[in-house]
PDB file of all heavy atoms in Angstrom:
ATOM      1  N   SER A   1     184.290 210.216  61.973  1.00  0.00           N
ATOM      2  CA  SER A   1     182.903 209.837  61.688  1.00  0.00           C
ATOM      3  C   SER A   1     182.759 208.344  61.964  1.00  0.00           C
ATOM      4  O   SER A   1     183.770 207.638  62.105  1.00  0.00           O
ATOM      5  CB  SER A   1     182.525 210.162  60.244  1.00  0.00           C
ATOM      6  OG  SER A   1     183.340 209.461  59.340  1.00  0.00           O
ATOM      7  N   GLY A   2     181.509 207.883  62.024  1.00  0.00           N
ATOM      8  CA  GLY A   2     181.246 206.467  62.163  1.00  0.00           C
ATOM      9  C   GLY A   2     180.812 206.020  63.547  1.00  0.00           C
ATOM     10  O   GLY A   2     180.482 204.853  63.738  1.00  0.00           O
ATOM     11  N   GLY A   3     180.789 206.946  64.472  1.00  0.00           N
ATOM     12  CA  GLY A   3     180.343 206.547  65.812  1.00  0.00           C
ATOM     13  C   GLY A   3     178.836 206.312  65.855  1.00  0.00           C
ATOM     14  O   GLY A   3     178.129 206.571  64.885  1.00  0.00           O
ATOM     15  N   GLY A   4     178.371 205.770  66.975  1.00  0.00           N
ATOM     16  CA  GLY A   4     176.949 205.526  67.103  1.00  0.00           C
ATOM     17  C   GLY A   4     176.649 204.614  68.274  1.00  0.00           C
ATOM     18  O   GLY A   4     177.499 204.382  69.137  1.00  0.00           O
ATOM     19  N   LEU A   5     175.428 204.100  68.278  1.00  0.00           N
ATOM     20  CA  LEU A   5     174.963 203.204  69.332  1.00  0.00           C
ATOM     21  C   LEU A   5     174.904 201.783  68.771  1.00  0.00           C
ATOM     22  O   LEU A   5     174.356 201.544  67.683  1.00  0.00           O
ATOM     23  CB  LEU A   5     173.573 203.621  69.803  1.00  0.00           C
ATOM     24  CG  LEU A   5     172.864 202.701  70.784  1.00  0.00           C
ATOM     25  CD1 LEU A   5     173.605 202.612  72.086  1.00  0.00           C
ATOM     26  CD2 LEU A   5     171.426 203.188  71.007  1.00  0.00           C
ATOM     27  N   VAL A   6     175.497 200.843  69.502  1.00  0.00           N
ATOM     28  CA  VAL A   6     175.526 199.466  69.059  1.00  0.00           C
ATOM     29  C   VAL A   6     175.367 198.543  70.267  1.00  0.00           C
ATOM     30  O   VAL A   6     175.769 198.911  71.375  1.00  0.00           O
ATOM     31  CB  VAL A   6     176.848 199.163  68.299  1.00  0.00           C
ATOM     32  CG1 VAL A   6     178.044 199.307  69.227  1.00  0.00           C
ATOM     33  CG2 VAL A   6     176.816 197.805  67.617  1.00  0.00           C
ATOM     34  N   GLN A   7     174.818 197.381  70.041  1.00  0.00           N
ATOM     35  CA  GLN A   7     174.688 196.412  71.133  1.00  0.00           C
ATOM     36  C   GLN A   7     176.024 195.699  71.372  1.00  0.00           C
ATOM     37  O   GLN A   7     176.854 195.593  70.450  1.00  0.00           O
ATOM     38  CB  GLN A   7     173.610 195.406  70.818  1.00  0.00           C
ATOM     39  CG  GLN A   7     172.199 195.958  70.854  1.00  0.00           C
ATOM     40  CD  GLN A   7     171.145 194.875  70.684  1.00  0.00           C
ATOM     41  OE1 GLN A   7     171.413 193.832  70.078  1.00  0.00           O
ATOM     42  NE2 GLN A   7     169.955 195.126  71.208  1.00  0.00           N
ATOM     43  N   ALA A   8     176.181 195.209  72.552  1.00  0.00           N
ATOM     44  CA  ALA A   8     177.395 194.447  72.876  1.00  0.00           C
ATOM     45  C   ALA A   8     177.542 193.277  71.902  1.00  0.00           C
ATOM     46  O   ALA A   8     176.570 192.623  71.560  1.00  0.00           O
ATOM     47  CB  ALA A   8     177.312 193.912  74.307  1.00  0.00           C
ATOM     48  N   GLY A   9     178.768 193.080  71.448  1.00  0.00           N
ATOM     49  CA  GLY A   9     179.060 192.079  70.448  1.00  0.00           C
ATOM     50  C   GLY A   9     179.017 192.578  69.028  1.00  0.00           C
ATOM     51  O   GLY A   9     179.418 191.856  68.106  1.00  0.00           O
ATOM     52  N   GLY A  10     178.502 193.791  68.853  1.00  0.00           N
ATOM     53  CA  GLY A  10     178.408 194.363  67.525  1.00  0.00           C
ATOM     54  C   GLY A  10     179.690 194.993  67.061  1.00  0.00           C
ATOM     55  O   GLY A  10     180.745 194.922  67.718  1.00  0.00           O
ATOM     56  N   SER A  11     179.617 195.654  65.900  1.00  0.00           N
ATOM     57  CA  SER A  11     180.790 196.259  65.251  1.00  0.00           C
ATOM     58  C   SER A  11     180.485 197.670  64.815  1.00  0.00           C
ATOM     59  O   SER A  11     179.337 198.011  64.509  1.00  0.00           O
ATOM     60  CB  SER A  11     181.228 195.423  64.037  1.00  0.00           C
ATOM     61  OG  SER A  11     181.580 194.117  64.409  1.00  0.00           O
ATOM     62  N   LEU A  12     181.528 198.475  64.768  1.00  0.00           N
ATOM     63  CA  LEU A  12     181.487 199.804  64.185  1.00  0.00           C
ATOM     64  C   LEU A  12     182.824 200.051  63.505  1.00  0.00           C
ATOM     65  O   LEU A  12     183.852 199.503  63.919  1.00  0.00           O
ATOM     66  CB  LEU A  12     181.278 200.858  65.257  1.00  0.00           C
ATOM     67  CG  LEU A  12     179.872 201.096  65.831  1.00  0.00           C
ATOM     68  CD1 LEU A  12     179.951 202.071  66.982  1.00  0.00           C
ATOM     69  CD2 LEU A  12     178.900 201.554  64.788  1.00  0.00           C
ATOM     70  N   ARG A  13     182.792 200.904  62.491  1.00  0.00           N
ATOM     71  CA  ARG A  13     184.044 201.344  61.871  1.00  0.00           C
ATOM     72  C   ARG A  13     184.106 202.860  61.924  1.00  0.00           C
ATOM     73  O   ARG A  13     183.245 203.545  61.369  1.00  0.00           O
ATOM     74  CB  ARG A  13     184.147 200.875  60.426  1.00  0.00           C
ATOM     75  CG  ARG A  13     185.553 201.146  59.862  1.00  0.00           C
ATOM     76  CD  ARG A  13     185.757 200.622  58.469  1.00  0.00           C
ATOM     77  NE  ARG A  13     185.236 201.553  57.450  1.00  0.00           N
ATOM     78  CZ  ARG A  13     185.706 201.649  56.209  1.00  0.00           C
ATOM     79  NH1 ARG A  13     186.692 200.860  55.835  1.00  0.00           N
ATOM     80  NH2 ARG A  13     185.183 202.483  55.355  1.00  0.00           N
ATOM     81  N   LEU A  14     185.119 203.349  62.584  1.00  0.00           N
ATOM     82  CA  LEU A  14     185.373 204.792  62.651  1.00  0.00           C
ATOM     83  C   LEU A  14     186.312 205.189  61.517  1.00  0.00           C
ATOM     84  O   LEU A  14     187.211 204.440  61.155  1.00  0.00           O
ATOM     85  CB  LEU A  14     185.977 205.160  63.990  1.00  0.00           C
ATOM     86  CG  LEU A  14     185.237 204.724  65.248  1.00  0.00           C
ATOM     87  CD1 LEU A  14     185.951 205.267  66.482  1.00  0.00           C
ATOM     88  CD2 LEU A  14     183.795 205.164  65.217  1.00  0.00           C
ATOM     89  N   SER A  15     186.101 206.401  61.023  1.00  0.00           N
ATOM     90  CA  SER A  15     186.974 206.983  60.003  1.00  0.00           C
ATOM     91  C   SER A  15     187.484 208.300  60.506  1.00  0.00           C
ATOM     92  O   SER A  15     186.816 209.006  61.270  1.00  0.00           O
ATOM     93  CB  SER A  15     186.206 207.192  58.706  1.00  0.00           C
ATOM     94  OG  SER A  15     185.708 205.987  58.195  1.00  0.00           O
ATOM     95  N   CYS A  16     188.681 208.648  60.055  1.00  0.00           N
ATOM     96  CA  CYS A  16     189.292 209.936  60.392  1.00  0.00           C
ATOM     97  C   CYS A  16     189.924 210.464  59.112  1.00  0.00           C
ATOM     98  O   CYS A  16     190.917 209.929  58.635  1.00  0.00           O
ATOM     99  CB  CYS A  16     190.327 209.788  61.484  1.00  0.00           C
ATOM    100  SG  CYS A  16     191.236 211.318  61.822  1.00  0.00           S
ATOM    101  N   ALA A  17     189.335 211.511  58.579  1.00  0.00           N
ATOM    102  CA  ALA A  17     189.836 212.129  57.358  1.00  0.00           C
ATOM    103  C   ALA A  17     190.705 213.328  57.716  1.00  0.00           C
ATOM    104  O   ALA A  17     190.268 214.224  58.451  1.00  0.00           O
ATOM    105  CB  ALA A  17     188.689 212.540  56.469  1.00  0.00           C
ATOM    106  N   ALA A  18     191.913 213.323  57.169  1.00  0.00           N
ATOM    107  CA  ALA A  18     192.853 214.414  57.462  1.00  0.00           C
ATOM    108  C   ALA A  18     192.940 215.328  56.272  1.00  0.00           C
ATOM    109  O   ALA A  18     192.980 214.882  55.125  1.00  0.00           O
ATOM    110  CB  ALA A  18     194.228 213.840  57.782  1.00  0.00           C
ATOM    111  N   SER A  19     192.990 216.612  56.530  1.00  0.00           N
ATOM    112  CA  SER A  19     193.115 217.579  55.447  1.00  0.00           C
ATOM    113  C   SER A  19     193.834 218.809  55.962  1.00  0.00           C
ATOM    114  O   SER A  19     194.081 218.963  57.149  1.00  0.00           O
ATOM    115  CB  SER A  19     191.729 217.970  54.899  1.00  0.00           C
ATOM    116  OG  SER A  19     190.968 218.619  55.909  1.00  0.00           O
ATOM    117  N   GLY A  20     194.168 219.687  55.046  1.00  0.00           N
ATOM    118  CA  GLY A  20     194.869 220.887  55.450  1.00  0.00           C
ATOM    119  C   GLY A  20     195.989 221.153  54.476  1.00  0.00           C
ATOM    120  O   GLY A  20     196.313 220.331  53.618  1.00  0.00           O
ATOM    121  N   ARG A  21     196.589 222.286  54.604  1.00  0.00           N
ATOM    122  CA  ARG A  21     197.620 222.690  53.672  1.00  0.00           C
ATOM    123  C   ARG A  21     198.824 221.745  53.769  1.00  0.00           C
ATOM    124  O   ARG A  21     199.442 221.618  54.830  1.00  0.00           O
ATOM    125  CB  ARG A  21     198.032 224.135  53.964  1.00  0.00           C
ATOM    126  CG  ARG A  21     198.925 224.712  52.894  1.00  0.00           C
ATOM    127  CD  ARG A  21     199.165 226.207  53.139  1.00  0.00           C
ATOM    128  NE  ARG A  21     199.864 226.440  54.372  1.00  0.00           N
ATOM    129  CZ  ARG A  21     200.167 227.639  54.843  1.00  0.00           C
ATOM    130  NH1 ARG A  21     199.791 228.712  54.168  1.00  0.00           N
ATOM    131  NH2 ARG A  21     200.829 227.774  55.961  1.00  0.00           N
ATOM    132  N   THR A  22     199.105 221.067  52.713  1.00  0.00           N
ATOM    133  CA  THR A  22     200.247 220.159  52.639  1.00  0.00           C
ATOM    134  C   THR A  22     200.276 219.238  53.859  1.00  0.00           C
ATOM    135  O   THR A  22     201.254 219.179  54.628  1.00  0.00           O
ATOM    136  CB  THR A  22     201.580 220.929  52.545  1.00  0.00           C
ATOM    137  OG1 THR A  22     201.397 221.998  51.635  1.00  0.00           O
ATOM    138  CG2 THR A  22     202.666 220.033  52.040  1.00  0.00           C
ATOM    139  N   PHE A  23     199.185 218.509  54.034  1.00  0.00           N
ATOM    140  CA  PHE A  23     199.119 217.616  55.184  1.00  0.00           C
ATOM    141  C   PHE A  23     200.216 216.570  55.113  1.00  0.00           C
ATOM    142  O   PHE A  23     200.404 215.906  54.115  1.00  0.00           O
ATOM    143  CB  PHE A  23     197.775 216.914  55.258  1.00  0.00           C
ATOM    144  CG  PHE A  23     197.728 215.846  56.326  1.00  0.00           C
ATOM    145  CD1 PHE A  23     197.639 216.206  57.653  1.00  0.00           C
ATOM    146  CD2 PHE A  23     197.817 214.513  55.998  1.00  0.00           C
ATOM    147  CE1 PHE A  23     197.623 215.240  58.639  1.00  0.00           C
ATOM    148  CE2 PHE A  23     197.796 213.524  56.969  1.00  0.00           C
ATOM    149  CZ  PHE A  23     197.697 213.892  58.295  1.00  0.00           C
ATOM    150  N   SER A  24     200.950 216.464  56.174  1.00  0.00           N
ATOM    151  CA  SER A  24     202.003 215.462  56.258  1.00  0.00           C
ATOM    152  C   SER A  24     202.198 215.107  57.718  1.00  0.00           C
ATOM    153  O   SER A  24     202.339 215.985  58.565  1.00  0.00           O
ATOM    154  CB  SER A  24     203.309 215.986  55.683  1.00  0.00           C
ATOM    155  OG  SER A  24     204.335 215.061  55.843  1.00  0.00           O
TER     156      SER A  24
END
């Protein structure tokens, strides 16, 4: 999540949430 449209010079923060049975 966290994607989008931004102007040059701007910032974004992407996140990646991991889940599942006994995630390792």
